[in-house]
Amino acid sequence: MSLHNAPSSNEHARLCEEERELLRKVARASIEHGLQTGRPLTVDKTRYPRPLREPGASFVTLNEHGRLRGCIGSLEAIRPLLEDVAHNACAAAFSDPRFPPLQAHELPGLDLHISLLSPATPMQFDSEEDLLRQLRPGLDGLILEDGDHRGTFLPSVWESLPDAHDFLQHLKLKAGLPTDSWPDTIRVSRYVTESF
């Protein structure tokens, strides 16, 4: 699922193209470092511009020949963006439970995408139908929570699930919730991404 053309919040982009390119390089270097050491790259933050040193939440998505190869991320800004991207790139390559760890021969064909997440905003709704009416296809990333169950879809998932009902049903499945119920305790937050 390509993140390039997702109608995300890129019109409010936090980063310039040079900063984006630096993050891409850090992500790729972290994967290469992971191949050699099994650990993410330790980044010297003093060598990077201030926006990359500030706390940030990111997802790193890896595609190989147009197919998903790994996707790991953070929903909250708990560490400097540089560190978050380095950690998530390595985790997407080697720790996504859906895929075997990346092998060195796969690196040249790897397509890497980074999504920077805005802070999540809790949504208010009276029912599942009310929530569906509020969704903005192509723009909203969603976090769905109920008890110990939690799942998220990035805005790029709208590319493969453009219908709001289908999007929400698949997100329920991802969170481990039944698709045919809507508990009173369910919580949903939304966010937007800057993707490159």
N, C-alpha and C. Protein backbone atom coordinates (compact mmCIF):
# COMPACT_ATOMS: atom_id res chain seq x y z
N MET A 1 0.84 -1.19 0.00
CA MET A 1 0.00 0.00 0.00
C MET A 1 0.87 1.23 0.00
N SER A 2 0.91 1.91 -1.08
CA SER A 2 1.76 3.09 -1.21
C SER A 2 1.21 4.24 -0.39
N LEU A 3 2.12 4.96 0.24
CA LEU A 3 1.69 6.11 1.03
C LEU A 3 1.91 7.41 0.26
N HIS A 4 2.47 7.32 -0.93
CA HIS A 4 2.85 8.54 -1.65
C HIS A 4 1.68 9.45 -1.96
N ASN A 5 0.59 8.86 -2.44
CA ASN A 5 -0.50 9.69 -2.94
C ASN A 5 -1.69 9.77 -2.00
N ALA A 6 -1.50 9.28 -0.77
CA ALA A 6 -2.62 9.36 0.17
C ALA A 6 -2.94 10.82 0.45
N PRO A 7 -4.22 11.19 0.40
CA PRO A 7 -4.58 12.58 0.68
C PRO A 7 -4.49 12.85 2.18
N SER A 8 -3.27 12.89 2.68
CA SER A 8 -3.04 13.06 4.10
C SER A 8 -2.91 14.54 4.41
N SER A 9 -2.31 14.81 5.56
CA SER A 9 -2.20 16.21 5.98
C SER A 9 -0.93 16.86 5.44
N ASN A 10 -0.42 16.39 4.31
CA ASN A 10 0.84 16.93 3.79
C ASN A 10 0.76 18.41 3.48
N GLU A 11 -0.46 18.95 3.32
CA GLU A 11 -0.56 20.40 3.09
C GLU A 11 -0.14 21.16 4.35
N HIS A 12 -0.09 20.46 5.50
CA HIS A 12 0.38 21.07 6.75
C HIS A 12 1.70 20.42 7.15
N ALA A 13 2.56 20.12 6.19
CA ALA A 13 3.77 19.35 6.43
C ALA A 13 4.66 20.00 7.49
N ARG A 14 5.15 19.14 8.37
CA ARG A 14 6.08 19.58 9.42
C ARG A 14 7.50 19.69 8.89
N LEU A 15 7.84 18.85 7.91
CA LEU A 15 9.23 18.72 7.49
C LEU A 15 9.43 19.20 6.06
N CYS A 16 10.60 19.76 5.81
CA CYS A 16 10.98 20.11 4.44
C CYS A 16 11.53 18.86 3.77
N GLU A 17 11.73 18.93 2.46
CA GLU A 17 12.18 17.75 1.72
C GLU A 17 13.55 17.26 2.19
N GLU A 18 14.43 18.18 2.55
CA GLU A 18 15.76 17.78 3.04
C GLU A 18 15.64 16.97 4.33
N GLU A 19 14.74 17.40 5.23
CA GLU A 19 14.54 16.67 6.49
C GLU A 19 13.91 15.31 6.24
N ARG A 20 13.00 15.26 5.30
CA ARG A 20 12.40 13.97 4.94
C ARG A 20 13.46 13.00 4.42
N GLU A 21 14.34 13.52 3.56
CA GLU A 21 15.38 12.67 2.98
C GLU A 21 16.33 12.17 4.08
N LEU A 22 16.63 13.02 5.06
CA LEU A 22 17.47 12.58 6.18
C LEU A 22 16.79 11.44 6.94
N LEU A 23 15.49 11.54 7.15
CA LEU A 23 14.77 10.46 7.84
C LEU A 23 14.78 9.17 7.03
N ARG A 24 14.63 9.29 5.71
CA ARG A 24 14.69 8.09 4.85
C ARG A 24 16.05 7.41 4.99
N LYS A 25 17.10 8.23 5.01
CA LYS A 25 18.46 7.68 5.13
C LYS A 25 18.66 7.00 6.49
N VAL A 26 18.14 7.62 7.55
CA VAL A 26 18.24 7.03 8.88
C VAL A 26 17.50 5.69 8.92
N ALA A 27 16.31 5.65 8.34
CA ALA A 27 15.52 4.41 8.33
C ALA A 27 16.26 3.30 7.61
N ARG A 28 16.80 3.60 6.43
CA ARG A 28 17.52 2.58 5.66
C ARG A 28 18.79 2.15 6.38
N ALA A 29 19.51 3.13 6.95
CA ALA A 29 20.74 2.80 7.69
C ALA A 29 20.44 1.93 8.90
N SER A 30 19.29 2.17 9.54
CA SER A 30 18.92 1.37 10.70
C SER A 30 18.63 -0.07 10.31
N ILE A 31 18.01 -0.26 9.15
CA ILE A 31 17.75 -1.62 8.66
C ILE A 31 19.08 -2.31 8.34
N GLU A 32 19.99 -1.60 7.68
CA GLU A 32 21.30 -2.18 7.37
C GLU A 32 22.05 -2.53 8.65
N HIS A 33 21.98 -1.64 9.64
CA HIS A 33 22.61 -1.88 10.93
C HIS A 33 21.99 -3.11 11.60
N GLY A 34 20.66 -3.23 11.48
CA GLY A 34 19.96 -4.38 12.05
C GLY A 34 20.39 -5.69 11.42
N LEU A 35 20.65 -5.67 10.12
CA LEU A 35 21.13 -6.88 9.44
C LEU A 35 22.47 -7.34 10.02
N GLN A 36 23.31 -6.37 10.39
CA GLN A 36 24.65 -6.70 10.88
C GLN A 36 24.68 -7.00 12.38
N THR A 37 23.83 -6.32 13.17
CA THR A 37 23.94 -6.39 14.62
C THR A 37 22.70 -6.93 15.32
N GLY A 38 21.56 -6.93 14.61
CA GLY A 38 20.31 -7.32 15.25
C GLY A 38 19.66 -6.21 16.06
N ARG A 39 20.23 -5.01 16.00
CA ARG A 39 19.70 -3.88 16.78
C ARG A 39 19.50 -2.66 15.88
N PRO A 40 18.59 -1.75 16.26
CA PRO A 40 18.43 -0.52 15.49
C PRO A 40 19.64 0.38 15.62
N LEU A 41 19.80 1.25 14.66
CA LEU A 41 20.89 2.21 14.66
C LEU A 41 20.75 3.18 15.83
N THR A 42 21.87 3.46 16.51
CA THR A 42 21.91 4.51 17.52
C THR A 42 22.27 5.81 16.80
N VAL A 43 21.39 6.80 16.90
CA VAL A 43 21.55 8.03 16.12
C VAL A 43 22.16 9.13 16.97
N ASP A 44 23.16 9.80 16.43
CA ASP A 44 23.75 10.98 17.08
C ASP A 44 22.86 12.18 16.75
N LYS A 45 21.97 12.51 17.67
CA LYS A 45 20.96 13.54 17.39
C LYS A 45 21.57 14.91 17.14
N THR A 46 22.75 15.17 17.66
CA THR A 46 23.36 16.50 17.52
C THR A 46 23.68 16.83 16.07
N ARG A 47 23.73 15.82 15.21
CA ARG A 47 24.10 16.04 13.81
C ARG A 47 22.90 16.35 12.92
N TYR A 48 21.70 16.43 13.52
CA TYR A 48 20.49 16.58 12.72
C TYR A 48 19.73 17.85 13.10
N PRO A 49 18.92 18.37 12.16
CA PRO A 49 18.16 19.59 12.43
C PRO A 49 17.14 19.40 13.56
N ARG A 50 16.80 20.49 14.18
CA ARG A 50 15.94 20.47 15.36
C ARG A 50 14.61 19.74 15.18
N PRO A 51 13.89 19.93 14.04
CA PRO A 51 12.60 19.23 13.92
C PRO A 51 12.72 17.71 14.04
N LEU A 52 13.88 17.16 13.68
CA LEU A 52 14.06 15.71 13.76
C LEU A 52 14.45 15.26 15.16
N ARG A 53 14.86 16.21 15.99
CA ARG A 53 15.25 15.89 17.37
C ARG A 53 14.07 16.00 18.33
N GLU A 54 12.98 16.61 17.88
CA GLU A 54 11.82 16.79 18.73
C GLU A 54 11.00 15.49 18.80
N PRO A 55 10.22 15.31 19.87
CA PRO A 55 9.42 14.08 19.98
C PRO A 55 8.47 13.92 18.79
N GLY A 56 8.37 12.69 18.31
CA GLY A 56 7.49 12.41 17.18
C GLY A 56 7.06 10.95 17.17
N ALA A 57 5.89 10.71 16.59
CA ALA A 57 5.37 9.35 16.42
C ALA A 57 5.38 9.02 14.94
N SER A 58 5.90 7.85 14.61
CA SER A 58 6.04 7.48 13.20
C SER A 58 5.66 6.02 12.97
N PHE A 59 5.31 5.72 11.73
CA PHE A 59 5.20 4.35 11.26
C PHE A 59 6.14 4.20 10.08
N VAL A 60 6.82 3.08 10.00
CA VAL A 60 7.66 2.77 8.84
C VAL A 60 7.05 1.55 8.15
N THR A 61 6.75 1.72 6.87
CA THR A 61 6.15 0.65 6.06
C THR A 61 7.16 0.22 5.01
N LEU A 62 7.36 -1.08 4.91
CA LEU A 62 8.28 -1.65 3.91
C LEU A 62 7.47 -2.43 2.89
N ASN A 63 7.73 -2.17 1.62
CA ASN A 63 7.12 -2.92 0.53
C ASN A 63 8.22 -3.56 -0.30
N GLU A 64 7.92 -4.76 -0.80
CA GLU A 64 8.85 -5.46 -1.68
C GLU A 64 8.08 -5.88 -2.92
N HIS A 65 8.47 -5.34 -4.07
CA HIS A 65 7.78 -5.62 -5.34
C HIS A 65 6.29 -5.32 -5.22
N GLY A 66 5.96 -4.20 -4.57
CA GLY A 66 4.58 -3.76 -4.47
C GLY A 66 3.76 -4.45 -3.39
N ARG A 67 4.37 -5.35 -2.64
CA ARG A 67 3.64 -6.08 -1.59
C ARG A 67 4.18 -5.69 -0.22
N LEU A 68 3.29 -5.63 0.76
CA LEU A 68 3.69 -5.29 2.12
C LEU A 68 4.72 -6.30 2.61
N ARG A 69 5.79 -5.78 3.22
CA ARG A 69 6.86 -6.64 3.76
C ARG A 69 7.07 -6.39 5.26
N GLY A 70 6.45 -5.34 5.79
CA GLY A 70 6.56 -5.04 7.21
C GLY A 70 6.03 -3.65 7.49
N CYS A 71 5.43 -3.48 8.65
CA CYS A 71 4.94 -2.17 9.05
C CYS A 71 4.85 -2.13 10.57
N ILE A 72 5.63 -1.26 11.17
CA ILE A 72 5.65 -1.10 12.63
C ILE A 72 5.69 0.39 12.93
N GLY A 73 5.04 0.79 14.02
CA GLY A 73 5.06 2.21 14.35
C GLY A 73 4.70 2.51 15.78
N SER A 74 4.66 3.79 16.06
CA SER A 74 4.33 4.32 17.38
C SER A 74 3.11 5.21 17.24
N LEU A 75 2.21 5.13 18.20
CA LEU A 75 1.01 5.97 18.18
C LEU A 75 1.18 7.25 18.98
N GLU A 76 2.20 7.29 19.83
CA GLU A 76 2.42 8.47 20.65
C GLU A 76 3.87 8.92 20.53
N ALA A 77 4.06 10.24 20.64
CA ALA A 77 5.40 10.82 20.54
C ALA A 77 6.09 10.70 21.89
N ILE A 78 6.86 9.64 22.07
CA ILE A 78 7.50 9.39 23.36
C ILE A 78 9.02 9.51 23.30
N ARG A 79 9.56 9.72 22.10
CA ARG A 79 11.02 9.86 21.95
C ARG A 79 11.30 10.74 20.75
N PRO A 80 12.54 11.20 20.59
CA PRO A 80 12.86 12.03 19.43
C PRO A 80 12.49 11.32 18.12
N LEU A 81 12.00 12.08 17.17
CA LEU A 81 11.54 11.52 15.90
C LEU A 81 12.61 10.67 15.24
N LEU A 82 13.86 11.14 15.24
CA LEU A 82 14.96 10.37 14.64
C LEU A 82 15.04 8.96 15.24
N GLU A 83 14.99 8.90 16.57
CA GLU A 83 15.09 7.61 17.25
C GLU A 83 13.87 6.75 16.95
N ASP A 84 12.71 7.38 16.89
CA ASP A 84 11.48 6.64 16.62
C ASP A 84 11.53 5.99 15.24
N VAL A 85 11.98 6.75 14.24
CA VAL A 85 12.08 6.21 12.87
C VAL A 85 13.12 5.10 12.81
N ALA A 86 14.27 5.31 13.45
CA ALA A 86 15.32 4.28 13.44
C ALA A 86 14.81 2.99 14.08
N HIS A 87 14.14 3.12 15.21
CA HIS A 87 13.61 1.95 15.92
C HIS A 87 12.54 1.25 15.09
N ASN A 88 11.59 2.02 14.53
CA ASN A 88 10.47 1.41 13.81
C ASN A 88 10.90 0.80 12.48
N ALA A 89 11.91 1.39 11.83
CA ALA A 89 12.41 0.81 10.57
C ALA A 89 13.01 -0.56 10.84
N CYS A 90 13.81 -0.65 11.88
CA CYS A 90 14.44 -1.92 12.23
C CYS A 90 13.36 -2.94 12.64
N ALA A 91 12.40 -2.49 13.43
CA ALA A 91 11.33 -3.39 13.86
C ALA A 91 10.47 -3.87 12.68
N ALA A 92 10.19 -2.97 11.73
CA ALA A 92 9.40 -3.36 10.55
C ALA A 92 10.14 -4.43 9.74
N ALA A 93 11.47 -4.32 9.69
CA ALA A 93 12.26 -5.27 8.90
C ALA A 93 12.42 -6.62 9.59
N PHE A 94 12.50 -6.60 10.91
CA PHE A 94 12.90 -7.84 11.60
C PHE A 94 11.92 -8.34 12.66
N SER A 95 10.94 -7.53 13.05
CA SER A 95 10.08 -7.92 14.18
C SER A 95 8.59 -7.88 13.88
N ASP A 96 8.19 -7.63 12.64
CA ASP A 96 6.76 -7.69 12.32
C ASP A 96 6.35 -9.16 12.35
N PRO A 97 5.44 -9.53 13.27
CA PRO A 97 5.11 -10.95 13.42
C PRO A 97 4.45 -11.58 12.19
N ARG A 98 4.01 -10.77 11.26
CA ARG A 98 3.36 -11.31 10.05
C ARG A 98 4.36 -11.82 9.02
N PHE A 99 5.65 -11.47 9.20
CA PHE A 99 6.65 -11.78 8.17
C PHE A 99 7.91 -12.34 8.81
N PRO A 100 8.66 -13.16 8.05
CA PRO A 100 9.97 -13.58 8.55
C PRO A 100 10.93 -12.39 8.55
N PRO A 101 11.98 -12.44 9.36
CA PRO A 101 12.94 -11.33 9.36
C PRO A 101 13.53 -11.09 7.96
N LEU A 102 13.74 -9.85 7.66
CA LEU A 102 14.30 -9.46 6.36
C LEU A 102 15.68 -10.08 6.17
N GLN A 103 15.97 -10.49 4.95
CA GLN A 103 17.29 -11.03 4.60
C GLN A 103 18.05 -9.99 3.77
N ALA A 104 19.38 -10.08 3.81
CA ALA A 104 20.22 -9.09 3.13
C ALA A 104 19.90 -8.98 1.64
N HIS A 105 19.59 -10.10 0.98
CA HIS A 105 19.34 -10.06 -0.46
C HIS A 105 18.06 -9.30 -0.81
N GLU A 106 17.19 -9.05 0.17
CA GLU A 106 15.94 -8.33 -0.09
C GLU A 106 16.13 -6.81 -0.06
N LEU A 107 17.22 -6.35 0.53
CA LEU A 107 17.41 -4.92 0.76
C LEU A 107 17.34 -4.08 -0.52
N PRO A 108 17.99 -4.49 -1.63
CA PRO A 108 17.94 -3.64 -2.82
C PRO A 108 16.53 -3.42 -3.37
N GLY A 109 15.63 -4.38 -3.20
CA GLY A 109 14.27 -4.24 -3.74
C GLY A 109 13.28 -3.67 -2.76
N LEU A 110 13.78 -3.17 -1.65
CA LEU A 110 12.89 -2.68 -0.59
C LEU A 110 12.47 -1.24 -0.84
N ASP A 111 11.17 -1.00 -0.79
CA ASP A 111 10.59 0.33 -0.92
C ASP A 111 10.15 0.77 0.47
N LEU A 112 10.63 1.92 0.91
CA LEU A 112 10.44 2.34 2.29
C LEU A 112 9.59 3.60 2.36
N HIS A 113 8.57 3.61 3.21
CA HIS A 113 7.69 4.76 3.38
C HIS A 113 7.60 5.11 4.87
N ILE A 114 7.60 6.39 5.15
CA ILE A 114 7.52 6.87 6.53
C ILE A 114 6.26 7.72 6.66
N SER A 115 5.52 7.48 7.74
CA SER A 115 4.34 8.29 8.06
C SER A 115 4.55 8.92 9.43
N LEU A 116 4.42 10.24 9.50
CA LEU A 116 4.50 10.95 10.76
C LEU A 116 3.08 11.21 11.24
N LEU A 117 2.79 10.84 12.47
CA LEU A 117 1.43 10.92 12.99
C LEU A 117 1.21 12.21 13.77
N SER A 118 0.06 12.82 13.53
CA SER A 118 -0.37 13.92 14.39
C SER A 118 -0.83 13.33 15.73
N PRO A 119 -0.95 14.16 16.77
CA PRO A 119 -1.55 13.64 18.00
C PRO A 119 -2.96 13.13 17.72
N ALA A 120 -3.33 12.01 18.35
CA ALA A 120 -4.65 11.43 18.15
C ALA A 120 -5.71 12.22 18.93
N THR A 121 -6.88 12.39 18.32
CA THR A 121 -7.99 13.12 18.93
C THR A 121 -9.15 12.17 19.19
N PRO A 122 -9.60 12.06 20.44
CA PRO A 122 -10.75 11.18 20.70
C PRO A 122 -11.99 11.65 19.94
N MET A 123 -12.76 10.70 19.41
CA MET A 123 -13.98 11.01 18.67
C MET A 123 -15.19 10.78 19.57
N GLN A 124 -16.21 11.61 19.38
CA GLN A 124 -17.47 11.48 20.12
C GLN A 124 -18.52 10.94 19.15
N PHE A 125 -19.22 9.88 19.57
CA PHE A 125 -20.23 9.28 18.69
C PHE A 125 -21.27 8.57 19.55
N ASP A 126 -22.48 8.43 19.01
CA ASP A 126 -23.58 7.77 19.72
C ASP A 126 -23.74 6.32 19.33
N SER A 127 -23.20 5.95 18.16
CA SER A 127 -23.39 4.60 17.64
C SER A 127 -22.34 4.35 16.56
N GLU A 128 -22.28 3.12 16.09
CA GLU A 128 -21.36 2.80 15.00
C GLU A 128 -21.73 3.60 13.75
N GLU A 129 -23.03 3.76 13.49
CA GLU A 129 -23.48 4.52 12.31
C GLU A 129 -23.06 5.98 12.43
N ASP A 130 -23.16 6.53 13.64
CA ASP A 130 -22.76 7.91 13.87
C ASP A 130 -21.26 8.07 13.60
N LEU A 131 -20.47 7.12 14.08
CA LEU A 131 -19.03 7.17 13.83
C LEU A 131 -18.73 7.10 12.33
N LEU A 132 -19.39 6.19 11.63
CA LEU A 132 -19.17 6.03 10.20
C LEU A 132 -19.44 7.33 9.45
N ARG A 133 -20.48 8.07 9.86
CA ARG A 133 -20.81 9.34 9.20
C ARG A 133 -19.70 10.38 9.39
N GLN A 134 -18.97 10.28 10.49
CA GLN A 134 -17.94 11.27 10.79
C GLN A 134 -16.59 10.98 10.12
N LEU A 135 -16.41 9.76 9.64
CA LEU A 135 -15.11 9.39 9.08
C LEU A 135 -14.82 10.14 7.79
N ARG A 136 -13.54 10.46 7.60
CA ARG A 136 -13.08 11.15 6.39
C ARG A 136 -12.18 10.20 5.59
N PRO A 137 -12.77 9.43 4.66
CA PRO A 137 -11.98 8.46 3.90
C PRO A 137 -10.78 9.10 3.22
N GLY A 138 -9.65 8.42 3.30
CA GLY A 138 -8.42 8.92 2.70
C GLY A 138 -7.64 9.85 3.59
N LEU A 139 -8.28 10.36 4.64
CA LEU A 139 -7.62 11.34 5.52
C LEU A 139 -7.39 10.80 6.92
N ASP A 140 -8.39 10.15 7.48
CA ASP A 140 -8.31 9.71 8.88
C ASP A 140 -7.53 8.42 9.05
N GLY A 141 -6.60 8.42 9.99
CA GLY A 141 -6.10 7.20 10.59
C GLY A 141 -6.92 6.98 11.84
N LEU A 142 -7.22 5.73 12.17
CA LEU A 142 -8.07 5.44 13.33
C LEU A 142 -7.36 4.54 14.32
N ILE A 143 -7.62 4.80 15.61
CA ILE A 143 -7.22 3.90 16.69
C ILE A 143 -8.51 3.44 17.35
N LEU A 144 -8.71 2.14 17.39
CA LEU A 144 -9.91 1.57 17.98
C LEU A 144 -9.49 0.79 19.22
N GLU A 145 -10.17 1.04 20.35
CA GLU A 145 -9.80 0.40 21.61
C GLU A 145 -11.04 -0.06 22.36
N ASP A 146 -10.93 -1.23 22.98
CA ASP A 146 -11.97 -1.71 23.88
C ASP A 146 -11.32 -2.70 24.84
N GLY A 147 -11.22 -2.33 26.10
CA GLY A 147 -10.54 -3.18 27.07
C GLY A 147 -9.09 -3.38 26.68
N ASP A 148 -8.68 -4.65 26.57
CA ASP A 148 -7.30 -4.98 26.19
C ASP A 148 -7.10 -4.99 24.67
N HIS A 149 -8.17 -4.78 23.93
CA HIS A 149 -8.09 -4.83 22.47
C HIS A 149 -7.76 -3.46 21.90
N ARG A 150 -6.83 -3.45 20.96
CA ARG A 150 -6.42 -2.18 20.34
C ARG A 150 -5.91 -2.44 18.93
N GLY A 151 -6.30 -1.58 18.01
CA GLY A 151 -5.80 -1.69 16.64
C GLY A 151 -5.82 -0.33 15.98
N THR A 152 -4.97 -0.18 14.97
CA THR A 152 -4.95 1.08 14.22
C THR A 152 -4.80 0.79 12.74
N PHE A 153 -5.35 1.67 11.93
CA PHE A 153 -5.11 1.69 10.49
C PHE A 153 -4.60 3.08 10.13
N LEU A 154 -3.51 3.13 9.39
CA LEU A 154 -3.02 4.38 8.83
C LEU A 154 -3.98 4.87 7.75
N PRO A 155 -3.95 6.17 7.45
CA PRO A 155 -4.81 6.67 6.36
C PRO A 155 -4.57 5.96 5.03
N SER A 156 -3.37 5.45 4.81
CA SER A 156 -3.07 4.77 3.53
C SER A 156 -3.90 3.51 3.32
N VAL A 157 -4.45 2.94 4.42
CA VAL A 157 -5.26 1.73 4.29
C VAL A 157 -6.55 2.01 3.50
N TRP A 158 -6.98 3.29 3.47
CA TRP A 158 -8.16 3.64 2.66
C TRP A 158 -7.95 3.29 1.19
N GLU A 159 -6.70 3.22 0.74
CA GLU A 159 -6.45 2.88 -0.67
C GLU A 159 -6.95 1.48 -1.00
N SER A 160 -6.85 0.55 -0.04
CA SER A 160 -7.32 -0.81 -0.30
C SER A 160 -8.71 -1.07 0.30
N LEU A 161 -9.14 -0.20 1.23
CA LEU A 161 -10.48 -0.32 1.84
C LEU A 161 -11.18 1.04 1.78
N PRO A 162 -11.62 1.47 0.59
CA PRO A 162 -12.14 2.84 0.43
C PRO A 162 -13.52 3.07 1.05
N ASP A 163 -14.25 2.00 1.35
CA ASP A 163 -15.58 2.14 1.95
C ASP A 163 -15.45 2.22 3.47
N ALA A 164 -16.07 3.22 4.09
CA ALA A 164 -15.93 3.45 5.53
C ALA A 164 -16.38 2.23 6.34
N HIS A 165 -17.47 1.60 5.95
CA HIS A 165 -17.96 0.43 6.67
C HIS A 165 -16.93 -0.71 6.63
N ASP A 166 -16.39 -0.98 5.43
CA ASP A 166 -15.37 -2.04 5.29
C ASP A 166 -14.12 -1.69 6.10
N PHE A 167 -13.72 -0.43 6.04
CA PHE A 167 -12.54 0.04 6.78
C PHE A 167 -12.69 -0.26 8.27
N LEU A 168 -13.85 0.09 8.82
CA LEU A 168 -14.09 -0.11 10.24
C LEU A 168 -14.21 -1.59 10.59
N GLN A 169 -14.86 -2.37 9.75
CA GLN A 169 -14.99 -3.81 10.01
C GLN A 169 -13.62 -4.48 10.06
N HIS A 170 -12.76 -4.15 9.12
CA HIS A 170 -11.41 -4.73 9.10
C HIS A 170 -10.59 -4.26 10.29
N LEU A 171 -10.80 -3.02 10.72
CA LEU A 171 -10.08 -2.52 11.88
C LEU A 171 -10.55 -3.26 13.15
N LYS A 172 -11.83 -3.55 13.25
CA LYS A 172 -12.32 -4.35 14.38
C LYS A 172 -11.64 -5.71 14.41
N LEU A 173 -11.56 -6.35 13.25
CA LEU A 173 -10.89 -7.64 13.17
C LEU A 173 -9.43 -7.53 13.61
N LYS A 174 -8.75 -6.50 13.15
CA LYS A 174 -7.35 -6.31 13.51
C LYS A 174 -7.19 -6.14 15.02
N ALA A 175 -8.15 -5.46 15.63
CA ALA A 175 -8.10 -5.23 17.08
C ALA A 175 -8.55 -6.46 17.87
N GLY A 176 -9.00 -7.49 17.17
CA GLY A 176 -9.45 -8.70 17.86
C GLY A 176 -10.87 -8.62 18.38
N LEU A 177 -11.67 -7.75 17.78
CA LEU A 177 -13.06 -7.56 18.21
C LEU A 177 -14.01 -8.19 17.20
N PRO A 178 -15.17 -8.68 17.65
CA PRO A 178 -16.15 -9.22 16.71
C PRO A 178 -16.71 -8.11 15.82
N THR A 179 -16.98 -8.45 14.57
CA THR A 179 -17.46 -7.43 13.63
C THR A 179 -18.95 -7.16 13.78
N ASP A 180 -19.66 -8.05 14.47
CA ASP A 180 -21.12 -7.92 14.53
C ASP A 180 -21.61 -7.28 15.83
N SER A 181 -20.72 -6.63 16.58
CA SER A 181 -21.17 -5.98 17.81
C SER A 181 -20.51 -4.61 17.93
N TRP A 182 -21.08 -3.78 18.79
CA TRP A 182 -20.57 -2.43 19.03
C TRP A 182 -20.71 -2.14 20.52
N PRO A 183 -19.72 -2.55 21.33
CA PRO A 183 -19.83 -2.36 22.77
C PRO A 183 -19.90 -0.88 23.17
N ASP A 184 -20.60 -0.60 24.26
CA ASP A 184 -20.68 0.77 24.77
C ASP A 184 -19.32 1.30 25.22
N THR A 185 -18.39 0.37 25.49
CA THR A 185 -17.09 0.74 26.03
C THR A 185 -16.05 1.06 24.95
N ILE A 186 -16.44 0.92 23.68
CA ILE A 186 -15.47 1.11 22.60
C ILE A 186 -15.05 2.58 22.51
N ARG A 187 -13.76 2.80 22.26
CA ARG A 187 -13.21 4.14 22.11
C ARG A 187 -12.51 4.24 20.76
N VAL A 188 -12.67 5.37 20.10
CA VAL A 188 -12.04 5.59 18.79
C VAL A 188 -11.40 6.97 18.79
N SER A 189 -10.16 7.02 18.32
CA SER A 189 -9.46 8.30 18.14
C SER A 189 -9.01 8.36 16.69
N ARG A 190 -8.83 9.59 16.21
CA ARG A 190 -8.33 9.72 14.84
C ARG A 190 -7.11 10.63 14.80
N TYR A 191 -6.32 10.42 13.75
CA TYR A 191 -5.12 11.21 13.52
C TYR A 191 -4.93 11.35 12.01
N VAL A 192 -4.06 12.24 11.62
CA VAL A 192 -3.68 12.36 10.21
C VAL A 192 -2.18 12.12 10.13
N THR A 193 -1.70 11.91 8.92
CA THR A 193 -0.27 11.64 8.74
C THR A 193 0.34 12.53 7.69
N GLU A 194 1.61 12.75 7.85
CA GLU A 194 2.47 13.33 6.80
C GLU A 194 3.29 12.17 6.29
N SER A 195 3.07 11.77 5.04
CA SER A 195 3.66 10.54 4.52
C SER A 195 4.59 10.81 3.35
N PHE A 196 5.69 10.09 3.34
CA PHE A 196 6.67 10.24 2.27
C PHE A 196 7.51 8.99 2.13
